[in-house]
């Protein structure tokens, strides 16, 4: 099965990161695409330099958080497949969020279209948290409750790191 179909299966909670090949080159490609797609989305709201810096930080947090959690639970060998899955998922979410980002950025907050786009963005983020938890659950052999807590923890850590290093971005 092609990698794209496996990533889509993970997004639909029908497969886990273990269904992706263990490949450093795939990890590098997915990370580069994740970085690029994130910069593309963020440039709707900030300069390309700021967007690139934010995405480099995001990738660093993703790698560090994943490595730390896997090391703590003694599953370090699963790092490549887990981060490949998270980066692949992130690419899809970036592409889905891009039109919403444009809509939200180009409208006044009180406009109905901006409210609908913000609601759709919230639903998209909620789905992303669920799918990340699904990946964490499979990678670290934990309950879905713990995986959801870990997923929310990652989300907040990622946002906090961005706010501390790039205030107001």
C-alpha atoms as a PDB file:
ATOM      1  CA  UNK A   1       0.000   0.000   0.000  1.00  0.00           C
ATOM      2  CA  UNK A   2       1.406   3.459  -0.894  1.00  0.00           C
ATOM      3  CA  UNK A   3       2.517   5.718   1.961  1.00  0.00           C
ATOM      4  CA  UNK A   4      -0.189   8.309   1.248  1.00  0.00           C
ATOM      5  CA  UNK A   5      -2.930   5.695   1.653  1.00  0.00           C
ATOM      6  CA  UNK A   6      -1.342   4.510   4.891  1.00  0.00           C
ATOM      7  CA  UNK A   7      -1.298   8.072   6.231  1.00  0.00           C
ATOM      8  CA  UNK A   8      -4.958   8.476   5.248  1.00  0.00           C
ATOM      9  CA  UNK A   9      -5.733   5.200   7.045  1.00  0.00           C
ATOM     10  CA  UNK A  10      -4.011   6.577  10.161  1.00  0.00           C
ATOM     11  CA  UNK A  11      -6.088   9.763   9.849  1.00  0.00           C
ATOM     12  CA  UNK A  12      -9.216   7.606   9.831  1.00  0.00           C
ATOM     13  CA  UNK A  13      -7.919   5.603  12.837  1.00  0.00           C
ATOM     14  CA  UNK A  14      -7.791   2.443  10.705  1.00  0.00           C
ATOM     15  CA  UNK A  15      -3.995   1.994  10.889  1.00  0.00           C
ATOM     16  CA  UNK A  16      -1.189   2.926  13.216  1.00  0.00           C
ATOM     17  CA  UNK A  17       2.334   4.264  12.742  1.00  0.00           C
ATOM     18  CA  UNK A  18       3.607   0.683  12.640  1.00  0.00           C
ATOM     19  CA  UNK A  19       1.991   0.412   9.199  1.00  0.00           C
ATOM     20  CA  UNK A  20       4.462   2.927   7.775  1.00  0.00           C
ATOM     21  CA  UNK A  21       7.832   1.640   6.618  1.00  0.00           C
ATOM     22  CA  UNK A  22      10.821   2.190   8.906  1.00  0.00           C
ATOM     23  CA  UNK A  23      12.714   4.559   6.626  1.00  0.00           C
ATOM     24  CA  UNK A  24      14.971   7.474   7.483  1.00  0.00           C
ATOM     25  CA  UNK A  25      14.581   8.833   3.947  1.00  0.00           C
ATOM     26  CA  UNK A  26      10.777   8.755   4.301  1.00  0.00           C
ATOM     27  CA  UNK A  27      11.110  10.547   7.654  1.00  0.00           C
ATOM     28  CA  UNK A  28      13.300  13.221   6.023  1.00  0.00           C
ATOM     29  CA  UNK A  29      10.891  13.698   3.095  1.00  0.00           C
ATOM     30  CA  UNK A  30       7.815  13.884   5.333  1.00  0.00           C
ATOM     31  CA  UNK A  31       9.579  16.286   7.703  1.00  0.00           C
ATOM     32  CA  UNK A  32      10.564  18.557   4.799  1.00  0.00           C
ATOM     33  CA  UNK A  33       7.009  18.469   3.420  1.00  0.00           C
ATOM     34  CA  UNK A  34       5.615  19.133   6.902  1.00  0.00           C
ATOM     35  CA  UNK A  35       7.928  22.112   7.291  1.00  0.00           C
ATOM     36  CA  UNK A  36       7.089  23.445   3.816  1.00  0.00           C
ATOM     37  CA  UNK A  37       3.329  23.004   4.159  1.00  0.00           C
ATOM     38  CA  UNK A  38       3.413  24.698   7.562  1.00  0.00           C
ATOM     39  CA  UNK A  39       5.339  27.676   6.206  1.00  0.00           C
ATOM     40  CA  UNK A  40       2.858  27.916   3.337  1.00  0.00           C
ATOM     41  CA  UNK A  41      -0.069  28.086   5.759  1.00  0.00           C
ATOM     42  CA  UNK A  42       1.592  30.460   8.235  1.00  0.00           C
ATOM     43  CA  UNK A  43       2.599  32.963   5.529  1.00  0.00           C
ATOM     44  CA  UNK A  44      -1.094  33.898   5.287  1.00  0.00           C
ATOM     45  CA  UNK A  45      -0.701  35.568   8.697  1.00  0.00           C
ATOM     46  CA  UNK A  46       3.031  36.437   9.017  1.00  0.00           C
ATOM     47  CA  UNK A  47       6.199  36.999   7.042  1.00  0.00           C
ATOM     48  CA  UNK A  48       7.863  34.012   5.425  1.00  0.00           C
ATOM     49  CA  UNK A  49      10.862  34.395   7.756  1.00  0.00           C
ATOM     50  CA  UNK A  50       8.635  34.296  10.835  1.00  0.00           C
ATOM     51  CA  UNK A  51       6.686  31.376   9.387  1.00  0.00           C
ATOM     52  CA  UNK A  52       9.884  29.421   8.697  1.00  0.00           C
ATOM     53  CA  UNK A  53      11.220  30.105  12.200  1.00  0.00           C
ATOM     54  CA  UNK A  54       7.908  29.026  13.755  1.00  0.00           C
ATOM     55  CA  UNK A  55       7.888  25.812  11.751  1.00  0.00           C
ATOM     56  CA  UNK A  56      11.517  24.980  12.582  1.00  0.00           C
ATOM     57  CA  UNK A  57      10.590  25.367  16.251  1.00  0.00           C
ATOM     58  CA  UNK A  58       7.491  23.207  15.705  1.00  0.00           C
ATOM     59  CA  UNK A  59       9.574  20.432  14.118  1.00  0.00           C
ATOM     60  CA  UNK A  60      12.115  20.656  16.957  1.00  0.00           C
ATOM     61  CA  UNK A  61       9.344  20.344  19.572  1.00  0.00           C
ATOM     62  CA  UNK A  62       7.781  17.437  17.656  1.00  0.00           C
ATOM     63  CA  UNK A  63      11.097  15.564  17.487  1.00  0.00           C
ATOM     64  CA  UNK A  64      12.127  16.337  21.081  1.00  0.00           C
ATOM     65  CA  UNK A  65       8.719  15.509  22.580  1.00  0.00           C
ATOM     66  CA  UNK A  66       8.493  12.252  20.634  1.00  0.00           C
ATOM     67  CA  UNK A  67      12.029  11.199  21.490  1.00  0.00           C
ATOM     68  CA  UNK A  68      11.592  12.067  25.176  1.00  0.00           C
ATOM     69  CA  UNK A  69       8.311  10.145  25.534  1.00  0.00           C
ATOM     70  CA  UNK A  70       9.528   7.111  23.610  1.00  0.00           C
ATOM     71  CA  UNK A  71      12.806   7.064  25.565  1.00  0.00           C
ATOM     72  CA  UNK A  72      11.002   7.354  28.881  1.00  0.00           C
ATOM     73  CA  UNK A  73       8.857   4.325  28.037  1.00  0.00           C
ATOM     74  CA  UNK A  74      11.752   2.435  26.408  1.00  0.00           C
ATOM     75  CA  UNK A  75      10.247   2.436  22.895  1.00  0.00           C
ATOM     76  CA  UNK A  76      12.961   4.551  21.257  1.00  0.00           C
ATOM     77  CA  UNK A  77      13.139   2.144  18.290  1.00  0.00           C
ATOM     78  CA  UNK A  78       9.666   3.359  17.240  1.00  0.00           C
ATOM     79  CA  UNK A  79      10.803   6.977  16.800  1.00  0.00           C
ATOM     80  CA  UNK A  80      11.175   6.923  13.000  1.00  0.00           C
ATOM     81  CA  UNK A  81       7.740   5.455  12.317  1.00  0.00           C
ATOM     82  CA  UNK A  82       5.987   7.557  14.964  1.00  0.00           C
ATOM     83  CA  UNK A  83       7.440  10.871  13.803  1.00  0.00           C
ATOM     84  CA  UNK A  84       6.895   9.899  10.156  1.00  0.00           C
ATOM     85  CA  UNK A  85       3.226   9.324  10.985  1.00  0.00           C
ATOM     86  CA  UNK A  86       2.926  12.604  12.922  1.00  0.00           C
ATOM     87  CA  UNK A  87       4.626  14.579  10.134  1.00  0.00           C
ATOM     88  CA  UNK A  88       2.448  12.929   7.477  1.00  0.00           C
ATOM     89  CA  UNK A  89      -0.663  13.706   9.485  1.00  0.00           C
ATOM     90  CA  UNK A  90       0.565  17.264   9.970  1.00  0.00           C
ATOM     91  CA  UNK A  91       0.940  17.766   6.211  1.00  0.00           C
ATOM     92  CA  UNK A  92      -2.682  16.779   5.625  1.00  0.00           C
ATOM     93  CA  UNK A  93      -3.883  19.044   8.443  1.00  0.00           C
ATOM     94  CA  UNK A  94      -1.862  21.957   7.081  1.00  0.00           C
ATOM     95  CA  UNK A  95      -3.463  21.534   3.675  1.00  0.00           C
ATOM     96  CA  UNK A  96      -6.942  21.269   5.192  1.00  0.00           C
ATOM     97  CA  UNK A  97      -6.351  24.275   7.465  1.00  0.00           C
ATOM     98  CA  UNK A  98      -4.888  26.509   4.754  1.00  0.00           C
ATOM     99  CA  UNK A  99      -8.210  27.753   3.274  1.00  0.00           C
ATOM    100  CA  UNK A 100      -9.576  28.243   6.801  1.00  0.00           C
ATOM    101  CA  UNK A 101      -6.488  30.249   7.766  1.00  0.00           C
ATOM    102  CA  UNK A 102      -6.977  32.462   4.704  1.00  0.00           C
ATOM    103  CA  UNK A 103     -10.677  32.914   5.505  1.00  0.00           C
ATOM    104  CA  UNK A 104     -10.032  33.779   9.151  1.00  0.00           C
ATOM    105  CA  UNK A 105      -7.142  36.121   8.366  1.00  0.00           C
ATOM    106  CA  UNK A 106      -9.010  38.041   5.635  1.00  0.00           C
ATOM    107  CA  UNK A 107     -12.260  38.629   7.540  1.00  0.00           C
ATOM    108  CA  UNK A 108     -13.282  40.661  10.532  1.00  0.00           C
ATOM    109  CA  UNK A 109     -13.827  38.495  13.657  1.00  0.00           C
ATOM    110  CA  UNK A 110     -17.502  39.491  13.895  1.00  0.00           C
ATOM    111  CA  UNK A 111     -18.320  38.372  10.330  1.00  0.00           C
ATOM    112  CA  UNK A 112     -20.324  35.163  10.056  1.00  0.00           C
ATOM    113  CA  UNK A 113     -17.826  33.580   7.630  1.00  0.00           C
ATOM    114  CA  UNK A 114     -14.987  34.094  10.097  1.00  0.00           C
ATOM    115  CA  UNK A 115     -17.023  32.491  12.870  1.00  0.00           C
ATOM    116  CA  UNK A 116     -17.797  29.450  10.723  1.00  0.00           C
ATOM    117  CA  UNK A 117     -14.144  29.160   9.642  1.00  0.00           C
ATOM    118  CA  UNK A 118     -13.032  29.404  13.285  1.00  0.00           C
ATOM    119  CA  UNK A 119     -15.491  26.666  14.257  1.00  0.00           C
ATOM    120  CA  UNK A 120     -14.223  24.458  11.426  1.00  0.00           C
ATOM    121  CA  UNK A 121     -10.645  25.148  12.566  1.00  0.00           C
ATOM    122  CA  UNK A 122     -11.576  24.073  16.095  1.00  0.00           C
ATOM    123  CA  UNK A 123     -13.065  20.846  14.716  1.00  0.00           C
ATOM    124  CA  UNK A 124      -9.928  20.261  12.649  1.00  0.00           C
ATOM    125  CA  UNK A 125      -7.679  20.790  15.680  1.00  0.00           C
ATOM    126  CA  UNK A 126      -9.869  18.444  17.733  1.00  0.00           C
ATOM    127  CA  UNK A 127      -9.540  15.770  15.066  1.00  0.00           C
ATOM    128  CA  UNK A 128      -5.775  16.308  14.985  1.00  0.00           C
ATOM    129  CA  UNK A 129      -5.553  15.853  18.769  1.00  0.00           C
ATOM    130  CA  UNK A 130      -7.523  12.610  18.453  1.00  0.00           C
ATOM    131  CA  UNK A 131      -5.347  11.261  15.633  1.00  0.00           C
ATOM    132  CA  UNK A 132      -2.128  12.227  17.447  1.00  0.00           C
ATOM    133  CA  UNK A 133      -3.465  10.364  20.489  1.00  0.00           C
ATOM    134  CA  UNK A 134      -4.146   7.372  18.245  1.00  0.00           C
ATOM    135  CA  UNK A 135      -0.515   7.454  17.074  1.00  0.00           C
ATOM    136  CA  UNK A 136       0.785   7.862  20.636  1.00  0.00           C
ATOM    137  CA  UNK A 137      -1.401   4.962  21.815  1.00  0.00           C
ATOM    138  CA  UNK A 138      -0.001   2.635  19.169  1.00  0.00           C
ATOM    139  CA  UNK A 139       3.601   3.826  19.493  1.00  0.00           C
ATOM    140  CA  UNK A 140       3.781   3.699  23.279  1.00  0.00           C
ATOM    141  CA  UNK A 141       1.267   0.943  24.011  1.00  0.00           C
ATOM    142  CA  UNK A 142      -0.889   2.996  26.342  1.00  0.00           C
ATOM    143  CA  UNK A 143      -4.563   3.532  26.960  1.00  0.00           C
ATOM    144  CA  UNK A 144      -6.442   6.020  24.815  1.00  0.00           C
ATOM    145  CA  UNK A 145      -7.072   8.165  27.906  1.00  0.00           C
ATOM    146  CA  UNK A 146      -3.339   8.512  28.570  1.00  0.00           C
ATOM    147  CA  UNK A 147      -2.661   9.024  24.883  1.00  0.00           C
ATOM    148  CA  UNK A 148      -5.236  11.838  24.759  1.00  0.00           C
ATOM    149  CA  UNK A 149      -3.610  13.475  27.786  1.00  0.00           C
ATOM    150  CA  UNK A 150      -0.254  13.184  26.039  1.00  0.00           C
ATOM    151  CA  UNK A 151      -1.709  14.617  22.823  1.00  0.00           C
ATOM    152  CA  UNK A 152      -3.144  17.638  24.669  1.00  0.00           C
ATOM    153  CA  UNK A 153       0.175  17.994  26.484  1.00  0.00           C
ATOM    154  CA  UNK A 154       2.014  18.065  23.165  1.00  0.00           C
ATOM    155  CA  UNK A 155      -0.415  20.639  21.753  1.00  0.00           C
ATOM    156  CA  UNK A 156       0.011  22.947  24.746  1.00  0.00           C
ATOM    157  CA  UNK A 157       3.789  22.465  24.854  1.00  0.00           C
ATOM    158  CA  UNK A 158       4.033  23.320  21.173  1.00  0.00           C
ATOM    159  CA  UNK A 159       1.900  26.448  21.577  1.00  0.00           C
ATOM    160  CA  UNK A 160       3.750  27.510  24.749  1.00  0.00           C
ATOM    161  CA  UNK A 161       7.159  27.101  23.099  1.00  0.00           C
ATOM    162  CA  UNK A 162       6.030  29.238  20.151  1.00  0.00           C
ATOM    163  CA  UNK A 163       4.650  31.920  22.469  1.00  0.00           C
ATOM    164  CA  UNK A 164       7.776  32.003  24.644  1.00  0.00           C
ATOM    165  CA  UNK A 165      10.250  32.104  21.756  1.00  0.00           C
ATOM    166  CA  UNK A 166       8.134  34.162  19.325  1.00  0.00           C
ATOM    167  CA  UNK A 167       5.765  36.244  21.497  1.00  0.00           C
ATOM    168  CA  UNK A 168       2.648  37.419  19.675  1.00  0.00           C
ATOM    169  CA  UNK A 169       3.317  35.410  16.524  1.00  0.00           C
END
